[in-house]
Amino acid sequence: MAEMIHPFGRKAHSLAVIDPDKCTGCGYCAMFCVVECIYQQPDGLYWVDPERCIGCRSCKVNCFNEAVTILPPKQEA
């Protein structure tokens, strides 16, 4: 996997995950996503494409329902 680059400098690659139980489908997470990796599902809720997410936390900051969790970077062995 290529090393991910943060818009404001290099950092370890974190990953955003959206909790479908807390998501209301408001779309603020997708609206503020800097790499456009959050998509709306047919049921109206949102999900994150893990291949494109850079872990910038913009979606987490803009989610009023606290539906977004940022997973820590995977430790390489």
C-alpha atoms as a PDB file:
ATOM      1  CA  MET A   1       0.000   0.000   0.000  1.00  0.00           C
ATOM      2  CA  ALA A   2       1.252   3.439  -0.843  1.00  0.00           C
ATOM      3  CA  GLU A   3       2.011   5.859   1.967  1.00  0.00           C
ATOM      4  CA  MET A   4      -0.964   8.156   2.450  1.00  0.00           C
ATOM      5  CA  ILE A   5      -0.401  11.922   2.506  1.00  0.00           C
ATOM      6  CA  HIS A   6      -2.394  14.354   4.633  1.00  0.00           C
ATOM      7  CA  PRO A   7      -3.341  17.667   2.988  1.00  0.00           C
ATOM      8  CA  PHE A   8      -1.307  19.522   5.634  1.00  0.00           C
ATOM      9  CA  GLY A   9       1.723  17.214   5.740  1.00  0.00           C
ATOM     10  CA  ARG A  10       2.618  13.538   6.155  1.00  0.00           C
ATOM     11  CA  LYS A  11       1.062  11.471   8.901  1.00  0.00           C
ATOM     12  CA  ALA A  12       0.088   7.914   9.688  1.00  0.00           C
ATOM     13  CA  HIS A  13      -2.944   6.690   7.761  1.00  0.00           C
ATOM     14  CA  SER A  14      -6.097   6.699   9.884  1.00  0.00           C
ATOM     15  CA  LEU A  15      -9.502   5.640   8.596  1.00  0.00           C
ATOM     16  CA  ALA A  16     -12.967   7.133   9.077  1.00  0.00           C
ATOM     17  CA  VAL A  17     -15.907   4.798   9.706  1.00  0.00           C
ATOM     18  CA  ILE A  18     -19.573   5.836   9.803  1.00  0.00           C
ATOM     19  CA  ASP A  19     -21.896   4.142  12.308  1.00  0.00           C
ATOM     20  CA  PRO A  20     -25.134   3.366  10.410  1.00  0.00           C
ATOM     21  CA  ASP A  21     -27.135   3.408  13.668  1.00  0.00           C
ATOM     22  CA  LYS A  22     -26.145   7.028  14.387  1.00  0.00           C
ATOM     23  CA  CYS A  23     -26.119   8.329  10.788  1.00  0.00           C
ATOM     24  CA  THR A  24     -29.205  10.367   9.879  1.00  0.00           C
ATOM     25  CA  GLY A  25     -28.240  10.905   6.237  1.00  0.00           C
ATOM     26  CA  CYS A  26     -27.751  14.666   6.584  1.00  0.00           C
ATOM     27  CA  GLY A  27     -24.709  14.611   4.255  1.00  0.00           C
ATOM     28  CA  TYR A  28     -22.450  17.019   6.161  1.00  0.00           C
ATOM     29  CA  CYS A  29     -19.680  14.394   6.315  1.00  0.00           C
ATOM     30  CA  ALA A  30     -19.674  14.040   2.516  1.00  0.00           C
ATOM     31  CA  MET A  31     -20.040  17.784   1.955  1.00  0.00           C
ATOM     32  CA  PHE A  32     -16.841  18.555   3.888  1.00  0.00           C
ATOM     33  CA  CYS A  33     -14.764  15.517   2.790  1.00  0.00           C
ATOM     34  CA  VAL A  34     -11.561  16.902   1.246  1.00  0.00           C
ATOM     35  CA  VAL A  35     -10.903  13.827  -0.921  1.00  0.00           C
ATOM     36  CA  GLU A  36     -14.559  13.034  -1.754  1.00  0.00           C
ATOM     37  CA  CYS A  37     -14.426   9.479  -0.389  1.00  0.00           C
ATOM     38  CA  ILE A  38     -17.830   9.466   1.339  1.00  0.00           C
ATOM     39  CA  TYR A  39     -20.777   8.202  -0.670  1.00  0.00           C
ATOM     40  CA  GLN A  40     -24.522   7.991  -0.121  1.00  0.00           C
ATOM     41  CA  GLN A  41     -26.030   4.500  -0.163  1.00  0.00           C
ATOM     42  CA  PRO A  42     -29.453   3.721  -1.686  1.00  0.00           C
ATOM     43  CA  ASP A  43     -30.969   3.710   1.837  1.00  0.00           C
ATOM     44  CA  GLY A  44     -29.911   7.370   2.299  1.00  0.00           C
ATOM     45  CA  LEU A  45     -27.084   6.722   4.776  1.00  0.00           C
ATOM     46  CA  TYR A  46     -23.402   7.308   4.044  1.00  0.00           C
ATOM     47  CA  TRP A  47     -20.292   5.113   3.936  1.00  0.00           C
ATOM     48  CA  VAL A  48     -16.549   5.733   3.576  1.00  0.00           C
ATOM     49  CA  ASP A  49     -14.411   4.247   0.804  1.00  0.00           C
ATOM     50  CA  PRO A  50     -11.426   2.908   2.804  1.00  0.00           C
ATOM     51  CA  GLU A  51      -9.147   2.958  -0.252  1.00  0.00           C
ATOM     52  CA  ARG A  52      -9.519   6.732  -0.665  1.00  0.00           C
ATOM     53  CA  CYS A  53      -9.862   7.933   2.946  1.00  0.00           C
ATOM     54  CA  ILE A  54      -6.788   9.764   4.271  1.00  0.00           C
ATOM     55  CA  GLY A  55      -8.031  10.131   7.852  1.00  0.00           C
ATOM     56  CA  CYS A  56      -8.120  13.938   7.820  1.00  0.00           C
ATOM     57  CA  ARG A  57     -11.028  14.012  10.352  1.00  0.00           C
ATOM     58  CA  SER A  58     -13.002  16.628   8.425  1.00  0.00           C
ATOM     59  CA  CYS A  59     -16.044  14.348   8.362  1.00  0.00           C
ATOM     60  CA  LYS A  60     -15.820  13.696  12.117  1.00  0.00           C
ATOM     61  CA  VAL A  61     -15.600  17.393  12.954  1.00  0.00           C
ATOM     62  CA  ASN A  62     -18.659  18.196  10.826  1.00  0.00           C
ATOM     63  CA  CYS A  63     -20.913  15.325  11.992  1.00  0.00           C
ATOM     64  CA  PHE A  64     -23.494  16.645  14.447  1.00  0.00           C
ATOM     65  CA  ASN A  65     -24.642  13.127  15.382  1.00  0.00           C
ATOM     66  CA  GLU A  66     -21.193  11.782  16.302  1.00  0.00           C
ATOM     67  CA  ALA A  67     -21.680   8.987  13.756  1.00  0.00           C
ATOM     68  CA  VAL A  68     -18.086   9.163  12.471  1.00  0.00           C
ATOM     69  CA  THR A  69     -15.261   7.346  14.234  1.00  0.00           C
ATOM     70  CA  ILE A  70     -11.605   7.639  13.276  1.00  0.00           C
ATOM     71  CA  LEU A  71      -9.790   4.328  13.527  1.00  0.00           C
ATOM     72  CA  PRO A  72      -6.100   4.525  14.461  1.00  0.00           C
ATOM     73  CA  PRO A  73      -3.483   3.604  11.875  1.00  0.00           C
ATOM     74  CA  LYS A  74      -2.708  -0.092  11.555  1.00  0.00           C
ATOM     75  CA  GLN A  75       0.573  -1.065  13.171  1.00  0.00           C
ATOM     76  CA  GLU A  76       2.941  -2.704  10.705  1.00  0.00           C
ATOM     77  CA  ALA A  77       4.770  -5.737  12.002  1.00  0.00           C
END
